[in-house]
Amino acid sequence: MDDRKYKDEDAGWGYAFVSPFEGIQKGQVLQECRCFNDRQLDADKCEEALTRLLYLVTQGEKLSSDEATTVFFSVTKLSSDE
């Protein structure tokens, strides 16, 4: 985890939690989701892309109809591969 030191006037020095998802963008995550269509699937890469996508959705990010359709069929294909 990436903890950064900060100065709290009342408590002295401490650590602040910095989210690993801080600053991610929808376009970047959708590009990463293209890994679902690769011939040679990289499970770690796909898991990371799916985690980032789920994070965005739970934060209230909206996908357009085309984006949602593309991701849906990519994930469906991913789950049907052996």
N, C-alpha and C. Protein backbone atom coordinates (compact mmCIF):
# COMPACT_ATOMS: atom_id res chain seq x y z
N MET A 1 0.83 -1.18 0.00
CA MET A 1 0.00 0.00 0.00
C MET A 1 0.87 1.24 0.00
N ASP A 2 0.34 2.27 -0.58
CA ASP A 2 1.07 3.52 -0.66
C ASP A 2 0.56 4.46 0.42
N ASP A 3 1.26 4.49 1.54
CA ASP A 3 0.90 5.42 2.60
C ASP A 3 1.85 6.59 2.54
N ARG A 4 1.30 7.79 2.68
CA ARG A 4 2.12 8.99 2.64
C ARG A 4 2.06 9.68 3.98
N LYS A 5 3.19 10.20 4.40
CA LYS A 5 3.28 10.87 5.68
C LYS A 5 2.64 12.25 5.58
N TYR A 6 1.92 12.64 6.62
CA TYR A 6 1.31 13.96 6.64
C TYR A 6 1.47 14.57 8.02
N LYS A 7 1.29 15.85 8.13
CA LYS A 7 1.39 16.57 9.41
C LYS A 7 0.00 16.96 9.86
N ASP A 8 -0.43 16.43 10.98
CA ASP A 8 -1.70 16.80 11.59
C ASP A 8 -1.38 17.75 12.74
N GLU A 9 -1.93 18.93 12.71
CA GLU A 9 -1.60 19.95 13.71
C GLU A 9 -1.91 19.47 15.12
N ASP A 10 -2.97 18.70 15.31
CA ASP A 10 -3.37 18.27 16.65
C ASP A 10 -2.64 17.01 17.11
N ALA A 11 -2.50 16.04 16.21
CA ALA A 11 -1.97 14.73 16.61
C ALA A 11 -0.49 14.56 16.29
N GLY A 12 0.13 15.48 15.60
CA GLY A 12 1.53 15.31 15.23
C GLY A 12 1.63 14.64 13.87
N TRP A 13 2.66 13.82 13.68
CA TRP A 13 2.87 13.15 12.40
C TRP A 13 2.08 11.86 12.34
N GLY A 14 1.62 11.52 11.17
CA GLY A 14 0.87 10.28 10.98
C GLY A 14 0.95 9.85 9.53
N TYR A 15 0.12 8.90 9.17
CA TYR A 15 0.10 8.39 7.80
C TYR A 15 -1.30 8.56 7.22
N ALA A 16 -1.35 8.90 5.95
CA ALA A 16 -2.62 9.03 5.25
C ALA A 16 -2.74 7.91 4.24
N PHE A 17 -3.90 7.31 4.17
CA PHE A 17 -4.13 6.26 3.19
C PHE A 17 -4.38 6.91 1.83
N VAL A 18 -3.67 6.43 0.83
CA VAL A 18 -3.86 6.91 -0.53
C VAL A 18 -4.37 5.74 -1.35
N SER A 19 -5.55 5.91 -1.93
CA SER A 19 -6.19 4.84 -2.68
C SER A 19 -5.37 4.49 -3.93
N PRO A 20 -5.22 3.20 -4.22
CA PRO A 20 -4.54 2.81 -5.45
C PRO A 20 -5.34 3.18 -6.69
N PHE A 21 -6.60 3.53 -6.51
CA PHE A 21 -7.47 3.90 -7.62
C PHE A 21 -7.53 5.41 -7.82
N GLU A 22 -6.83 6.16 -7.02
CA GLU A 22 -6.86 7.62 -7.12
C GLU A 22 -6.39 8.08 -8.49
N GLY A 23 -7.21 8.88 -9.13
CA GLY A 23 -6.83 9.46 -10.41
C GLY A 23 -7.07 8.61 -11.64
N ILE A 24 -7.70 7.44 -11.49
CA ILE A 24 -7.95 6.64 -12.70
C ILE A 24 -9.06 7.29 -13.51
N GLN A 25 -9.01 7.07 -14.81
CA GLN A 25 -9.97 7.68 -15.72
C GLN A 25 -10.71 6.59 -16.48
N LYS A 26 -11.95 6.89 -16.81
CA LYS A 26 -12.81 5.91 -17.49
C LYS A 26 -12.20 5.46 -18.81
N GLY A 27 -11.70 6.38 -19.61
CA GLY A 27 -11.12 6.02 -20.90
C GLY A 27 -9.95 5.07 -20.77
N GLN A 28 -9.12 5.33 -19.77
CA GLN A 28 -7.96 4.47 -19.52
C GLN A 28 -8.41 3.06 -19.14
N VAL A 29 -9.41 2.98 -18.28
CA VAL A 29 -9.89 1.67 -17.83
C VAL A 29 -10.54 0.91 -18.99
N LEU A 30 -11.29 1.61 -19.82
CA LEU A 30 -11.92 0.94 -20.97
C LEU A 30 -10.86 0.42 -21.95
N GLN A 31 -9.76 1.14 -22.11
CA GLN A 31 -8.65 0.65 -22.94
C GLN A 31 -8.06 -0.61 -22.33
N GLU A 32 -7.90 -0.63 -21.01
CA GLU A 32 -7.35 -1.81 -20.33
C GLU A 32 -8.27 -3.02 -20.48
N CYS A 33 -9.57 -2.77 -20.58
CA CYS A 33 -10.53 -3.87 -20.70
C CYS A 33 -10.43 -4.58 -22.04
N ARG A 34 -9.70 -4.03 -22.98
CA ARG A 34 -9.49 -4.71 -24.26
C ARG A 34 -8.70 -6.01 -24.07
N CYS A 35 -8.04 -6.16 -22.94
CA CYS A 35 -7.29 -7.38 -22.68
C CYS A 35 -8.21 -8.60 -22.60
N PHE A 36 -9.50 -8.38 -22.40
CA PHE A 36 -10.45 -9.49 -22.34
C PHE A 36 -10.57 -10.20 -23.68
N ASN A 37 -10.21 -9.52 -24.76
CA ASN A 37 -10.32 -10.09 -26.10
C ASN A 37 -9.01 -10.65 -26.63
N ASP A 38 -7.95 -10.59 -25.85
CA ASP A 38 -6.65 -11.10 -26.29
C ASP A 38 -6.71 -12.61 -26.49
N ARG A 39 -5.94 -13.09 -27.46
CA ARG A 39 -5.87 -14.54 -27.69
C ARG A 39 -5.25 -15.25 -26.49
N GLN A 40 -4.15 -14.73 -26.00
CA GLN A 40 -3.50 -15.28 -24.81
C GLN A 40 -3.92 -14.43 -23.63
N LEU A 41 -4.83 -14.96 -22.83
CA LEU A 41 -5.34 -14.20 -21.70
C LEU A 41 -4.32 -14.15 -20.57
N ASP A 42 -4.14 -12.97 -20.02
CA ASP A 42 -3.30 -12.76 -18.84
C ASP A 42 -4.26 -12.54 -17.68
N ALA A 43 -4.41 -13.55 -16.82
CA ALA A 43 -5.41 -13.50 -15.75
C ALA A 43 -5.19 -12.31 -14.83
N ASP A 44 -3.96 -12.00 -14.50
CA ASP A 44 -3.68 -10.88 -13.60
C ASP A 44 -4.08 -9.55 -14.22
N LYS A 45 -3.77 -9.39 -15.49
CA LYS A 45 -4.11 -8.16 -16.21
C LYS A 45 -5.63 -8.00 -16.32
N CYS A 46 -6.33 -9.09 -16.63
CA CYS A 46 -7.79 -9.05 -16.73
C CYS A 46 -8.43 -8.76 -15.37
N GLU A 47 -7.90 -9.38 -14.33
CA GLU A 47 -8.43 -9.15 -12.98
C GLU A 47 -8.27 -7.69 -12.57
N GLU A 48 -7.12 -7.12 -12.86
CA GLU A 48 -6.87 -5.73 -12.51
C GLU A 48 -7.80 -4.79 -13.29
N ALA A 49 -7.99 -5.05 -14.57
CA ALA A 49 -8.88 -4.22 -15.40
C ALA A 49 -10.31 -4.32 -14.90
N LEU A 50 -10.75 -5.51 -14.57
CA LEU A 50 -12.12 -5.70 -14.09
C LEU A 50 -12.31 -5.02 -12.72
N THR A 51 -11.32 -5.10 -11.87
CA THR A 51 -11.37 -4.44 -10.56
C THR A 51 -11.49 -2.93 -10.72
N ARG A 52 -10.69 -2.37 -11.61
CA ARG A 52 -10.74 -0.92 -11.85
C ARG A 52 -12.10 -0.51 -12.43
N LEU A 53 -12.63 -1.33 -13.33
CA LEU A 53 -13.94 -1.04 -13.92
C LEU A 53 -15.03 -1.07 -12.84
N LEU A 54 -15.01 -2.08 -12.01
CA LEU A 54 -16.00 -2.17 -10.94
C LEU A 54 -15.87 -1.01 -9.96
N TYR A 55 -14.65 -0.58 -9.69
CA TYR A 55 -14.44 0.58 -8.82
C TYR A 55 -15.11 1.82 -9.41
N LEU A 56 -14.88 2.06 -10.70
CA LEU A 56 -15.47 3.23 -11.34
C LEU A 56 -17.00 3.19 -11.27
N VAL A 57 -17.57 2.03 -11.54
CA VAL A 57 -19.02 1.90 -11.54
C VAL A 57 -19.58 2.13 -10.13
N THR A 58 -18.91 1.60 -9.12
CA THR A 58 -19.40 1.79 -7.75
C THR A 58 -19.23 3.23 -7.28
N GLN A 59 -18.35 3.98 -7.94
CA GLN A 59 -18.17 5.40 -7.60
C GLN A 59 -19.17 6.29 -8.34
N GLY A 60 -20.04 5.69 -9.15
CA GLY A 60 -21.08 6.43 -9.83
C GLY A 60 -20.75 6.83 -11.27
N GLU A 61 -19.63 6.34 -11.78
CA GLU A 61 -19.27 6.64 -13.18
C GLU A 61 -20.26 5.94 -14.10
N LYS A 62 -20.78 6.67 -15.06
CA LYS A 62 -21.75 6.12 -16.01
C LYS A 62 -21.05 5.70 -17.30
N LEU A 63 -21.44 4.54 -17.82
CA LEU A 63 -20.94 4.07 -19.11
C LEU A 63 -22.01 4.36 -20.15
N SER A 64 -21.57 4.77 -21.33
CA SER A 64 -22.52 4.96 -22.41
C SER A 64 -23.06 3.60 -22.84
N SER A 65 -24.09 3.62 -23.64
CA SER A 65 -24.68 2.38 -24.11
C SER A 65 -23.66 1.54 -24.89
N ASP A 66 -22.90 2.19 -25.76
CA ASP A 66 -21.87 1.47 -26.55
C ASP A 66 -20.78 0.91 -25.65
N GLU A 67 -20.33 1.70 -24.68
CA GLU A 67 -19.28 1.24 -23.76
C GLU A 67 -19.76 0.05 -22.95
N ALA A 68 -20.97 0.15 -22.42
CA ALA A 68 -21.53 -0.93 -21.61
C ALA A 68 -21.70 -2.21 -22.42
N THR A 69 -22.15 -2.08 -23.66
CA THR A 69 -22.34 -3.24 -24.52
C THR A 69 -21.01 -3.91 -24.83
N THR A 70 -20.02 -3.11 -25.16
CA THR A 70 -18.68 -3.65 -25.47
C THR A 70 -18.11 -4.38 -24.28
N VAL A 71 -18.18 -3.76 -23.11
CA VAL A 71 -17.65 -4.39 -21.89
C VAL A 71 -18.43 -5.65 -21.56
N PHE A 72 -19.74 -5.60 -21.68
CA PHE A 72 -20.56 -6.76 -21.37
C PHE A 72 -20.16 -7.97 -22.21
N PHE A 73 -20.06 -7.79 -23.52
CA PHE A 73 -19.73 -8.93 -24.38
C PHE A 73 -18.28 -9.38 -24.18
N SER A 74 -17.38 -8.46 -23.86
CA SER A 74 -15.99 -8.83 -23.59
C SER A 74 -15.89 -9.67 -22.32
N VAL A 75 -16.61 -9.27 -21.29
CA VAL A 75 -16.59 -10.03 -20.03
C VAL A 75 -17.28 -11.37 -20.21
N THR A 76 -18.35 -11.39 -21.00
CA THR A 76 -19.04 -12.65 -21.27
C THR A 76 -18.11 -13.62 -21.99
N LYS A 77 -17.37 -13.12 -22.97
CA LYS A 77 -16.40 -13.94 -23.68
C LYS A 77 -15.31 -14.42 -22.73
N LEU A 78 -14.88 -13.53 -21.86
CA LEU A 78 -13.83 -13.87 -20.90
C LEU A 78 -14.28 -15.00 -19.99
N SER A 79 -15.52 -14.94 -19.52
CA SER A 79 -16.01 -15.97 -18.59
C SER A 79 -16.28 -17.30 -19.29
N SER A 80 -16.46 -17.28 -20.61
CA SER A 80 -16.73 -18.53 -21.33
C SER A 80 -15.45 -19.23 -21.79
N ASP A 81 -14.31 -18.49 -21.78
CA ASP A 81 -13.04 -19.11 -22.15
C ASP A 81 -12.58 -20.04 -21.04
N GLU A 82 -11.92 -21.11 -21.44
CA GLU A 82 -11.47 -22.09 -20.47
C GLU A 82 -10.09 -21.78 -19.98
